């Protein structure tokens, strides 16, 4: 018994929607950061699903590149978030002006 590809695409759409909703609603920087990562993983699931449905390796190669970019984003994003939390205990997205020096 195999799971149809449409189910994976629906799951990816739900995950992307949850990430986008969380990104737009929440103001905590860490939660926003996790929502962006959730959206990236939803896109990766879509790439892998289409690679499986089309019997092509291109989607899996795209996932590899997205993961590399996501890893670089994590390094830079977490450095900015840690710098914000060192200045202020409860940092929100509106507090980015604190880093101006």
N, C-alpha and C. Protein backbone atom coordinates (compact mmCIF):
# COMPACT_ATOMS: atom_id res chain seq x y z
N UNK A 1 0.84 -1.18 0.00
CA UNK A 1 0.00 0.00 0.00
C UNK A 1 0.89 1.25 0.00
N UNK A 2 0.69 2.10 -0.97
CA UNK A 2 1.46 3.33 -1.05
C UNK A 2 0.56 4.54 -0.83
N UNK A 3 1.15 5.59 -0.35
CA UNK A 3 0.42 6.83 -0.12
C UNK A 3 0.46 7.64 -1.41
N UNK A 4 -0.70 8.14 -1.87
CA UNK A 4 -0.70 8.95 -3.09
C UNK A 4 0.08 10.25 -2.92
N UNK A 5 0.64 10.73 -4.01
CA UNK A 5 1.43 11.95 -3.97
C UNK A 5 0.63 13.18 -3.58
N UNK A 6 -0.67 13.16 -3.87
CA UNK A 6 -1.52 14.31 -3.53
C UNK A 6 -1.58 14.53 -2.02
N UNK A 7 -1.51 13.47 -1.25
CA UNK A 7 -1.54 13.62 0.20
C UNK A 7 -0.30 14.36 0.71
N UNK A 8 0.83 14.05 0.11
CA UNK A 8 2.06 14.75 0.49
C UNK A 8 1.96 16.23 0.13
N UNK A 9 1.36 16.52 -1.02
CA UNK A 9 1.23 17.91 -1.44
C UNK A 9 0.25 18.67 -0.53
N UNK A 10 -0.80 18.01 -0.10
CA UNK A 10 -1.74 18.64 0.84
C UNK A 10 -1.04 18.89 2.17
N UNK A 11 -0.27 17.92 2.65
CA UNK A 11 0.48 18.10 3.89
C UNK A 11 1.46 19.27 3.76
N UNK A 12 2.14 19.36 2.63
CA UNK A 12 3.08 20.46 2.41
C UNK A 12 2.36 21.80 2.39
N UNK A 13 1.17 21.85 1.79
CA UNK A 13 0.40 23.09 1.76
C UNK A 13 -0.05 23.49 3.16
N UNK A 14 -0.46 22.51 3.95
CA UNK A 14 -0.88 22.80 5.33
C UNK A 14 0.31 23.31 6.15
N UNK A 15 1.45 22.66 6.02
CA UNK A 15 2.65 23.10 6.74
C UNK A 15 3.07 24.50 6.32
N UNK A 16 3.02 24.77 5.02
CA UNK A 16 3.39 26.10 4.53
C UNK A 16 2.41 27.14 5.04
N UNK A 17 1.12 26.80 5.04
CA UNK A 17 0.12 27.73 5.55
C UNK A 17 0.29 28.02 7.04
N UNK A 18 0.61 26.98 7.82
CA UNK A 18 0.87 27.19 9.24
C UNK A 18 2.10 28.08 9.46
N UNK A 19 3.13 27.84 8.67
CA UNK A 19 4.33 28.67 8.79
C UNK A 19 4.08 30.11 8.41
N UNK A 20 3.33 30.33 7.32
CA UNK A 20 3.03 31.70 6.89
C UNK A 20 2.14 32.41 7.89
N UNK A 21 1.16 31.69 8.43
CA UNK A 21 0.28 32.29 9.44
C UNK A 21 1.07 32.65 10.69
N UNK A 22 1.92 31.75 11.14
CA UNK A 22 2.74 32.04 12.31
C UNK A 22 3.69 33.20 12.08
N UNK A 23 4.22 33.30 10.88
CA UNK A 23 5.14 34.39 10.56
C UNK A 23 4.43 35.74 10.58
N UNK A 24 3.19 35.77 10.11
CA UNK A 24 2.45 37.02 10.04
C UNK A 24 1.83 37.42 11.38
N UNK A 25 1.50 36.45 12.20
CA UNK A 25 0.78 36.75 13.44
C UNK A 25 1.73 36.99 14.62
N UNK A 26 2.72 36.13 14.79
CA UNK A 26 3.57 36.19 15.98
C UNK A 26 4.61 37.30 15.84
N UNK A 27 5.02 37.89 16.96
CA UNK A 27 6.01 38.95 16.96
C UNK A 27 7.32 38.51 17.61
N UNK A 28 7.35 37.34 18.22
CA UNK A 28 8.58 36.84 18.83
C UNK A 28 9.53 36.42 17.72
N UNK A 29 10.76 36.83 17.83
CA UNK A 29 11.73 36.60 16.76
C UNK A 29 12.03 35.12 16.59
N UNK A 30 12.15 34.39 17.69
CA UNK A 30 12.45 32.97 17.60
C UNK A 30 11.30 32.19 16.96
N UNK A 31 10.08 32.54 17.30
CA UNK A 31 8.92 31.87 16.70
C UNK A 31 8.84 32.18 15.21
N UNK A 32 9.12 33.42 14.86
CA UNK A 32 9.12 33.79 13.43
C UNK A 32 10.20 33.01 12.68
N UNK A 33 11.33 32.85 13.32
CA UNK A 33 12.43 32.11 12.70
C UNK A 33 12.04 30.65 12.48
N UNK A 34 11.37 30.05 13.46
CA UNK A 34 10.93 28.66 13.31
C UNK A 34 9.85 28.53 12.24
N UNK A 35 9.02 29.55 12.09
CA UNK A 35 7.99 29.52 11.05
C UNK A 35 8.61 29.57 9.66
N UNK A 36 9.66 30.33 9.50
CA UNK A 36 10.36 30.36 8.21
C UNK A 36 10.97 28.98 7.91
N UNK A 37 11.54 28.35 8.93
CA UNK A 37 12.09 27.02 8.73
C UNK A 37 11.01 26.00 8.40
N UNK A 38 9.83 26.14 9.00
CA UNK A 38 8.71 25.26 8.68
C UNK A 38 8.27 25.44 7.23
N UNK A 39 8.28 26.66 6.76
CA UNK A 39 7.93 26.92 5.37
C UNK A 39 8.96 26.32 4.42
N UNK A 40 10.23 26.42 4.77
CA UNK A 40 11.27 25.81 3.93
C UNK A 40 11.13 24.29 3.88
N UNK A 41 10.79 23.68 4.99
CA UNK A 41 10.60 22.23 5.00
C UNK A 41 9.37 21.82 4.20
N UNK A 42 8.34 22.65 4.19
CA UNK A 42 7.17 22.37 3.35
C UNK A 42 7.54 22.40 1.87
N UNK A 43 8.37 23.35 1.50
CA UNK A 43 8.84 23.42 0.11
C UNK A 43 9.70 22.20 -0.22
N UNK A 44 10.53 21.78 0.72
CA UNK A 44 11.34 20.58 0.50
C UNK A 44 10.47 19.35 0.30
N UNK A 45 9.41 19.23 1.07
CA UNK A 45 8.49 18.11 0.90
C UNK A 45 7.84 18.14 -0.47
N UNK A 46 7.52 19.32 -0.96
CA UNK A 46 6.95 19.45 -2.30
C UNK A 46 7.96 19.02 -3.36
N UNK A 47 9.20 19.45 -3.22
CA UNK A 47 10.23 19.06 -4.19
C UNK A 47 10.42 17.55 -4.23
N UNK A 48 10.48 16.94 -3.06
CA UNK A 48 10.68 15.49 -3.00
C UNK A 48 9.48 14.75 -3.57
N UNK A 49 8.28 15.25 -3.30
CA UNK A 49 7.08 14.61 -3.83
C UNK A 49 7.06 14.65 -5.35
N UNK A 50 7.36 15.81 -5.92
CA UNK A 50 7.38 15.89 -7.39
C UNK A 50 8.51 15.07 -7.98
N UNK A 51 9.64 14.99 -7.27
CA UNK A 51 10.74 14.15 -7.77
C UNK A 51 10.32 12.68 -7.79
N UNK A 52 9.56 12.26 -6.80
CA UNK A 52 9.09 10.88 -6.76
C UNK A 52 8.03 10.62 -7.82
N UNK A 53 7.10 11.56 -8.00
CA UNK A 53 6.03 11.38 -8.97
C UNK A 53 6.54 11.40 -10.40
N UNK A 54 7.52 12.20 -10.67
CA UNK A 54 8.05 12.34 -12.02
C UNK A 54 9.27 11.45 -12.29
N UNK A 55 9.69 10.68 -11.30
CA UNK A 55 10.89 9.83 -11.41
C UNK A 55 12.10 10.63 -11.90
N UNK A 56 12.33 11.73 -11.23
CA UNK A 56 13.43 12.61 -11.60
C UNK A 56 14.22 12.95 -10.33
N UNK A 57 15.51 13.07 -10.47
CA UNK A 57 16.38 13.36 -9.34
C UNK A 57 16.50 14.87 -9.10
N UNK A 58 16.03 15.67 -10.03
CA UNK A 58 16.17 17.12 -9.93
C UNK A 58 15.55 17.71 -8.68
N UNK A 59 14.41 17.17 -8.24
CA UNK A 59 13.78 17.67 -7.02
C UNK A 59 14.61 17.40 -5.80
N UNK A 60 15.25 16.24 -5.75
CA UNK A 60 16.08 15.92 -4.61
C UNK A 60 17.36 16.76 -4.58
N UNK A 61 17.86 17.09 -5.75
CA UNK A 61 19.03 17.99 -5.82
C UNK A 61 18.63 19.39 -5.34
N UNK A 62 17.43 19.81 -5.71
CA UNK A 62 16.94 21.11 -5.25
C UNK A 62 16.80 21.13 -3.73
N UNK A 63 16.35 20.03 -3.15
CA UNK A 63 16.23 19.94 -1.69
C UNK A 63 17.60 20.08 -1.05
N UNK A 64 18.61 19.49 -1.64
CA UNK A 64 19.96 19.62 -1.10
C UNK A 64 20.40 21.08 -1.07
N UNK A 65 20.14 21.81 -2.16
CA UNK A 65 20.51 23.22 -2.20
C UNK A 65 19.70 24.05 -1.21
N UNK A 66 18.41 23.75 -1.07
CA UNK A 66 17.58 24.48 -0.11
C UNK A 66 18.07 24.22 1.32
N UNK A 67 18.48 23.00 1.62
CA UNK A 67 19.00 22.70 2.95
C UNK A 67 20.31 23.44 3.23
N UNK A 68 21.15 23.58 2.22
CA UNK A 68 22.41 24.32 2.40
C UNK A 68 22.12 25.79 2.67
N UNK A 69 21.19 26.36 1.91
CA UNK A 69 20.82 27.77 2.13
C UNK A 69 20.16 27.93 3.50
N UNK A 70 19.33 26.97 3.91
CA UNK A 70 18.68 27.04 5.21
C UNK A 70 19.72 26.96 6.33
N UNK A 71 20.74 26.15 6.16
CA UNK A 71 21.79 26.07 7.18
C UNK A 71 22.54 27.40 7.30
N UNK A 72 22.82 28.03 6.18
CA UNK A 72 23.47 29.35 6.22
C UNK A 72 22.55 30.38 6.86
N UNK A 73 21.27 30.29 6.57
CA UNK A 73 20.30 31.21 7.17
C UNK A 73 20.23 31.01 8.68
N UNK A 74 20.30 29.79 9.13
CA UNK A 74 20.26 29.51 10.57
C UNK A 74 21.46 30.15 11.26
N UNK A 75 22.61 30.04 10.66
CA UNK A 75 23.82 30.61 11.28
C UNK A 75 23.70 32.12 11.42
N UNK A 76 23.33 32.79 10.34
CA UNK A 76 23.23 34.25 10.37
C UNK A 76 22.04 34.70 11.22
N UNK A 77 20.90 34.04 11.05
CA UNK A 77 19.70 34.42 11.78
C UNK A 77 19.85 34.25 13.28
N UNK A 78 20.41 33.13 13.70
CA UNK A 78 20.60 32.92 15.13
C UNK A 78 21.61 33.90 15.72
N UNK A 79 22.61 34.29 14.95
CA UNK A 79 23.56 35.29 15.44
C UNK A 79 22.86 36.63 15.68
N UNK A 80 21.98 37.02 14.78
CA UNK A 80 21.24 38.26 14.95
C UNK A 80 20.28 38.16 16.14
N UNK A 81 19.62 37.03 16.26
CA UNK A 81 18.68 36.84 17.37
C UNK A 81 19.40 36.85 18.72
N UNK A 82 20.54 36.20 18.80
CA UNK A 82 21.31 36.19 20.05
C UNK A 82 21.78 37.60 20.38
N UNK A 83 22.19 38.37 19.38
CA UNK A 83 22.60 39.75 19.63
C UNK A 83 21.44 40.59 20.15
N UNK A 84 20.24 40.33 19.64
CA UNK A 84 19.07 41.06 20.13
C UNK A 84 18.73 40.67 21.56
N UNK A 85 18.79 39.38 21.86
CA UNK A 85 18.45 38.93 23.22
C UNK A 85 19.49 39.34 24.24
N UNK A 86 20.71 39.60 23.83
CA UNK A 86 21.71 40.08 24.79
C UNK A 86 21.43 41.52 25.20
N UNK A 87 20.87 42.28 24.31
CA UNK A 87 20.54 43.67 24.61
C UNK A 87 19.26 43.80 25.43
N UNK A 88 18.29 42.92 25.12
CA UNK A 88 16.97 43.00 25.75
C UNK A 88 16.48 41.60 26.01
N UNK A 89 15.88 41.35 27.17
CA UNK A 89 15.46 40.00 27.54
C UNK A 89 14.32 39.49 26.67
N UNK A 90 13.33 40.31 26.38
CA UNK A 90 12.18 39.89 25.58
C UNK A 90 12.18 40.68 24.28
N UNK A 91 12.86 40.17 23.29
CA UNK A 91 12.97 40.87 22.02
C UNK A 91 11.85 40.46 21.08
N UNK A 92 11.29 41.44 20.40
CA UNK A 92 10.28 41.18 19.38
C UNK A 92 10.81 41.67 18.04
N UNK A 93 10.02 41.47 17.00
CA UNK A 93 10.45 41.89 15.67
C UNK A 93 10.54 43.41 15.56
N UNK A 94 9.83 44.12 16.41
CA UNK A 94 9.88 45.58 16.39
C UNK A 94 11.15 46.13 17.03
N UNK A 95 11.89 45.30 17.74
CA UNK A 95 13.08 45.74 18.46
C UNK A 95 14.36 45.62 17.64
N UNK A 96 14.27 45.49 16.34
CA UNK A 96 15.47 45.35 15.51
C UNK A 96 16.30 46.64 15.51
N UNK A 97 15.67 47.76 15.80
CA UNK A 97 16.39 49.03 15.86
C UNK A 97 17.40 49.07 17.00
N UNK A 98 17.31 48.13 17.94
CA UNK A 98 18.24 48.07 19.07
C UNK A 98 19.65 47.76 18.57
N UNK A 99 19.78 47.11 17.46
CA UNK A 99 21.09 46.70 16.95
C UNK A 99 21.83 47.81 16.22
N UNK A 100 21.29 49.00 16.16
CA UNK A 100 21.93 50.07 15.39
C UNK A 100 23.19 50.62 16.03
N UNK A 101 23.51 50.27 17.21
CA UNK A 101 24.77 50.70 17.78
C UNK A 101 24.65 51.68 18.81
